[in-house]
Every structure is written in structure tokens, then in C-alpha cells.
Protein backbone atom coordinates (compact mmCIF):
# COMPACT_ATOMS: atom_id res chain seq x y z
CA MET A 1 -86.29 110.55 -93.38
CA LYS A 2 -88.98 110.06 -95.31
CA MET A 3 -88.13 107.31 -97.61
CA LEU A 4 -86.73 105.28 -94.05
CA ASN A 5 -91.10 105.44 -93.16
CA LYS A 6 -91.29 103.77 -96.85
CA ILE A 7 -89.51 100.63 -96.65
CA PRO A 8 -91.26 99.67 -93.21
CA ALA A 9 -94.65 100.64 -95.00
CA ALA A 10 -93.61 98.76 -98.53
CA ILE A 11 -92.18 95.63 -96.49
CA ALA A 12 -95.97 95.37 -94.43
CA ALA A 13 -98.03 95.94 -97.45
CA TRP A 14 -95.87 93.40 -99.08
CA LEU A 15 -96.18 90.98 -96.36
CA LEU A 16 -100.20 92.09 -96.41
CA VAL A 17 -99.69 90.76 -100.35
CA CYS A 18 -97.98 87.75 -99.97
CA GLY A 19 -100.43 86.80 -96.62
CA GLY A 20 -103.30 87.12 -98.82
CA LEU A 21 -102.07 85.34 -101.88
CA ALA A 22 -101.18 82.70 -99.02
CA ILE A 23 -104.46 82.49 -97.27
CA PHE A 24 -106.60 82.35 -100.66
CA PHE A 25 -103.87 80.54 -103.05
CA ILE A 26 -102.11 78.42 -100.49
CA SER A 27 -104.77 77.60 -97.69
CA PRO A 28 -107.07 75.88 -100.14
CA GLU A 29 -104.26 73.62 -101.13
CA ILE A 30 -103.88 72.78 -97.57
CA ALA A 31 -107.53 72.01 -97.22
CA ASN A 32 -107.40 69.72 -100.51
CA PHE A 33 -104.27 68.16 -99.11
CA LEU A 34 -106.59 67.10 -95.61
CA THR A 35 -109.32 65.78 -97.34
CA ILE A 36 -106.83 63.70 -99.44
CA LYS A 37 -105.16 62.42 -96.52
CA GLU A 38 -108.79 61.54 -94.40
CA ASN A 39 -109.36 59.50 -97.54
CA ILE A 40 -106.41 57.97 -97.39
CA ASP A 41 -106.71 57.00 -93.97
CA LYS A 42 -110.31 55.65 -94.44
CA GLN A 43 -109.14 53.59 -97.31
CA GLU A 44 -106.68 52.40 -95.26
CA SER A 45 -108.66 51.14 -92.48
CA THR A 46 -110.92 49.66 -94.88
CA ILE A 47 -107.89 47.79 -96.30
CA ALA A 48 -107.17 46.57 -93.18
CA SER A 49 -110.89 45.41 -92.16
CA ASN A 50 -110.56 43.83 -95.36
CA ILE A 51 -107.87 41.74 -94.99
CA ALA A 52 -109.24 41.43 -91.36
CA ARG A 53 -112.17 39.76 -93.22
CA SER A 54 -110.55 37.77 -95.82
CA GLY A 55 -108.40 36.25 -92.65
CA GLN A 56 -111.99 34.85 -91.26
CA ILE A 57 -113.38 33.44 -94.50
CA GLN A 58 -109.67 32.12 -95.03
CA GLU A 59 -110.58 30.42 -91.47
CA PHE A 60 -114.22 29.61 -92.18
CA ARG A 61 -113.53 27.88 -95.28
CA GLU A 62 -110.68 25.68 -93.12
CA PHE A 63 -113.18 24.83 -90.58
CA TYR A 64 -116.11 23.64 -92.90
CA LYS A 65 -113.77 21.80 -94.96
CA SER A 66 -112.59 19.56 -91.42
CA GLN A 67 -115.91 19.94 -90.36
CA ASN A 68 -117.52 18.71 -93.31
CA ALA A 69 -117.96 14.80 -92.56
CA ASN A 70 -119.45 15.90 -89.38
CA LEU A 71 -122.17 18.58 -91.57
CA SER A 72 -122.48 15.04 -93.46
CA SER A 73 -123.39 13.04 -91.01
CA LEU A 74 -125.93 15.51 -89.63
CA ASP A 75 -127.36 16.26 -93.65
CA SER A 76 -127.73 12.49 -92.91
CA SER A 77 -129.91 12.52 -89.00
CA PHE A 78 -133.13 14.31 -91.63
CA VAL A 79 -135.76 12.51 -93.33
CA ASP A 80 -136.19 13.05 -97.28
CA GLN A 81 -139.58 15.02 -97.46
CA GLN A 82 -140.54 13.54 -100.40
CA LYS A 83 -139.29 9.87 -100.23
CA PRO A 84 -138.68 8.87 -96.51
CA ILE A 85 -137.84 4.83 -98.39
CA ASP A 86 -134.34 5.04 -96.34
CA PHE A 87 -136.28 6.37 -92.84
CA ILE A 88 -139.56 2.95 -93.64
CA ASP A 89 -136.56 0.56 -94.04
CA PHE A 90 -135.13 1.81 -90.69
CA LEU A 91 -138.35 1.64 -89.55
CA GLU A 92 -138.79 -2.18 -90.52
CA ASN A 93 -135.37 -3.87 -90.18
CA ALA A 94 -135.80 -2.66 -86.23
CA ALA A 95 -138.91 -4.31 -85.87
CA LYS A 96 -137.48 -7.30 -87.56
CA ASP A 97 -134.14 -6.78 -85.15
CA SER A 98 -136.67 -6.55 -82.38
CA GLN A 99 -138.97 -8.97 -83.18
CA VAL A 100 -142.06 -7.19 -83.25
CA ALA A 101 -144.81 -7.19 -86.29
CA LEU A 102 -144.94 -3.48 -87.42
CA ASP A 103 -147.49 -1.87 -89.81
CA ILE A 104 -146.75 2.09 -90.62
CA SER A 105 -149.24 4.39 -91.84
CA PRO A 106 -146.95 7.47 -93.28
CA GLY A 107 -148.62 11.23 -92.79
CA ALA A 108 -147.58 13.78 -94.92
CA ALA A 109 -144.70 16.25 -94.18
CA GLN A 110 -145.54 19.34 -92.21
CA ALA A 111 -143.74 21.64 -90.08
CA GLN A 112 -145.68 22.57 -86.69
CA LYS A 113 -146.20 25.86 -85.28
CA LYS A 114 -143.42 25.73 -82.26
CA ASP A 115 -141.01 23.47 -85.12
CA LEU A 116 -138.42 25.72 -86.77
CA TRP A 117 -137.90 22.21 -89.15
CA PRO A 118 -140.51 20.34 -91.54
CA SER A 119 -141.56 17.03 -89.88
CA ALA A 120 -143.15 13.62 -91.40
CA ASN A 121 -145.66 12.49 -89.01
CA PHE A 122 -146.03 8.28 -88.91
CA GLN A 123 -148.67 5.76 -87.09
CA LEU A 124 -146.91 2.96 -85.71
CA SER A 125 -148.66 -0.43 -84.84
CA LEU A 126 -146.45 -2.65 -83.35
CA THR A 127 -147.37 -6.26 -81.79
CA GLY A 128 -144.76 -8.44 -79.74
CA SER A 129 -143.75 -9.03 -75.96
CA PHE A 130 -143.14 -6.06 -73.79
CA PRO A 131 -139.25 -6.23 -73.88
CA SER A 132 -139.56 -6.12 -78.00
CA ILE A 133 -141.69 -3.21 -78.11
CA VAL A 134 -139.04 -1.22 -75.24
CA ARG A 135 -136.03 -2.42 -77.34
CA PHE A 136 -137.61 -1.22 -80.70
CA ILE A 137 -138.39 1.86 -79.26
CA LYS A 138 -135.27 2.51 -77.67
CA THR A 139 -133.79 1.25 -81.48
CA ILE A 140 -135.36 4.24 -83.05
CA GLU A 141 -135.02 6.57 -79.87
CA SER A 142 -131.10 6.20 -80.48
CA SER A 143 -130.89 5.67 -84.15
CA HIS A 144 -129.57 9.09 -86.00
CA TYR A 145 -132.84 10.55 -87.68
CA LEU A 146 -134.02 12.88 -85.12
CA VAL A 147 -137.40 11.10 -83.96
CA ARG A 148 -139.97 12.32 -81.13
CA ILE A 149 -142.50 10.40 -80.16
CA SER A 150 -145.31 12.36 -79.93
CA ASP A 151 -148.15 9.81 -78.38
CA ALA A 152 -148.01 6.61 -77.02
CA THR A 153 -150.65 3.61 -75.89
CA VAL A 154 -150.19 -0.22 -75.00
CA SER A 155 -153.22 -3.10 -74.45
CA GLN A 156 -153.26 -6.37 -74.32
CA LYS A 157 -153.36 -7.89 -77.86
CA ASN A 158 -156.92 -9.42 -78.26
CA ALA A 159 -157.18 -13.36 -78.36
CA GLY A 160 -160.25 -13.06 -80.78
CA ALA A 161 -163.31 -11.96 -81.81
CA ASN A 162 -164.95 -12.94 -78.87
CA GLY A 163 -165.16 -9.90 -76.89
CA GLN A 164 -168.74 -8.11 -78.17
CA ALA A 165 -169.94 -4.72 -77.10
CA GLY A 166 -170.67 -4.30 -73.46
CA GLN A 167 -168.31 -7.44 -72.59
CA GLU A 168 -164.64 -7.45 -72.67
CA ALA A 169 -162.14 -9.46 -74.53
CA VAL A 170 -160.59 -12.24 -73.09
CA PRO A 171 -156.33 -11.49 -73.60
CA ALA A 172 -154.04 -13.90 -75.46
CA SER A 173 -152.40 -16.42 -73.16
CA ASP A 174 -149.01 -15.56 -75.29
CA GLY A 175 -148.20 -11.83 -73.54
CA GLN A 176 -148.27 -10.14 -76.86
CA LEU A 177 -148.96 -6.44 -76.59
CA ARG A 178 -150.36 -4.35 -79.38
CA ALA A 179 -148.67 -0.84 -79.35
CA SER A 180 -149.47 2.24 -81.54
CA LEU A 181 -146.96 5.16 -81.46
CA SER A 182 -147.02 8.77 -82.87
CA ILE A 183 -143.67 9.91 -84.41
CA LEU A 184 -142.66 12.93 -85.90
CA VAL A 185 -138.98 12.75 -87.37
CA TYR A 186 -137.40 16.15 -88.80
CA ALA A 187 -137.35 15.82 -92.50
CA ASN A 188 -134.93 18.31 -94.98
CA ALA A 189 -135.86 21.57 -95.61
CA LYS A 190 -135.03 21.54 -98.91
CA ASN A 191 -137.47 21.33 -101.22
């Protein structure tokens, strides 16, 4: 019977040795396998995220191509800060169409504290009838340029230099008015 008692003890010892070997050699490989599986899962989610971003970028490119004409017209709404020649030509043509005399004094382009965009200031002196001046103002306000009238004064045009200190000038009989406008037009942010 002694041999029969030794067989289960040998089997138990053999199982303990195999279990120990499994714990020391196989469990690190299982942990390594689980780590590799986690890395593969992370990479798959990164790939899926990149594919989604790629689709969004492609959609944006298509949108940009379709809206390029609108963006070009928006860009033309801003005055060139260094050479506002096109805007000055526009003002002169608007004055001619509105039948008003126009004197333009351009100011330096600057960014107002409350404004996000750089801007250019202009001082306009107008002479004409009231409907003509109103037509000119409506023309510049409804133009494609981003214009803001910051100050406006209207007075009757003096008939001549017969008004002296302490005396009022005699108003002109032709109904002409003199208007002074301070306008602000937004400029390109490009240098």
C-alpha cells in the first residue's frame, strides 16, 4: 500500500510543478498578449478616429470649393489698407452718380479698440441738394464695402464771405447743403 500512497502524492507534486511552471512561464505571456491586444484596440480606435477626421477634412475641402466664390466676394468687401484706390474711386463714382461735389481726406488705417478688424477712416465733405446727399449716403451704405458712418453734420452752404464775426451768413438761395461725414471702412487684415 505504500506504493499506492506514493502515486497520488507524485501526481499532486507533478501538478504543483506544472502549475508553478504555468504561473511563472505562461502567465507573463498571457499578460504580454493582453497588453498587445490593448495596444491593437487603441490603434484601431485611433485609425477609426483618423478615418472620421479624414472624411471631415474632405467634406470641408468640398465645402470650401463650393463656397470659394462667396469667400472671394467677402474678401472684396474689405479695403486694401495700403492702397485704398478702389474704394476712393467708388466714392467718387457714387458722388458723381448722386450729383454731389465730394472732397475726400483719407485717414490712416487703424484698428479700433472695440473692433476686431483693422479699419481706415475717411473724412468726406459733400456739397449738394438734400436728396442728392441722402442718395449718396444710401449708395455707400448699400455698397459691398463694410462701411460705418461714425459722424455726420449737415449745414446750409454759405452764399459767400459776407458773414463776419458775430453775424450770421446769408444762406444760399439754390438750396445747396454742405455735409461732413466721418466714415470708417474695414480693411484687410493682411499686411
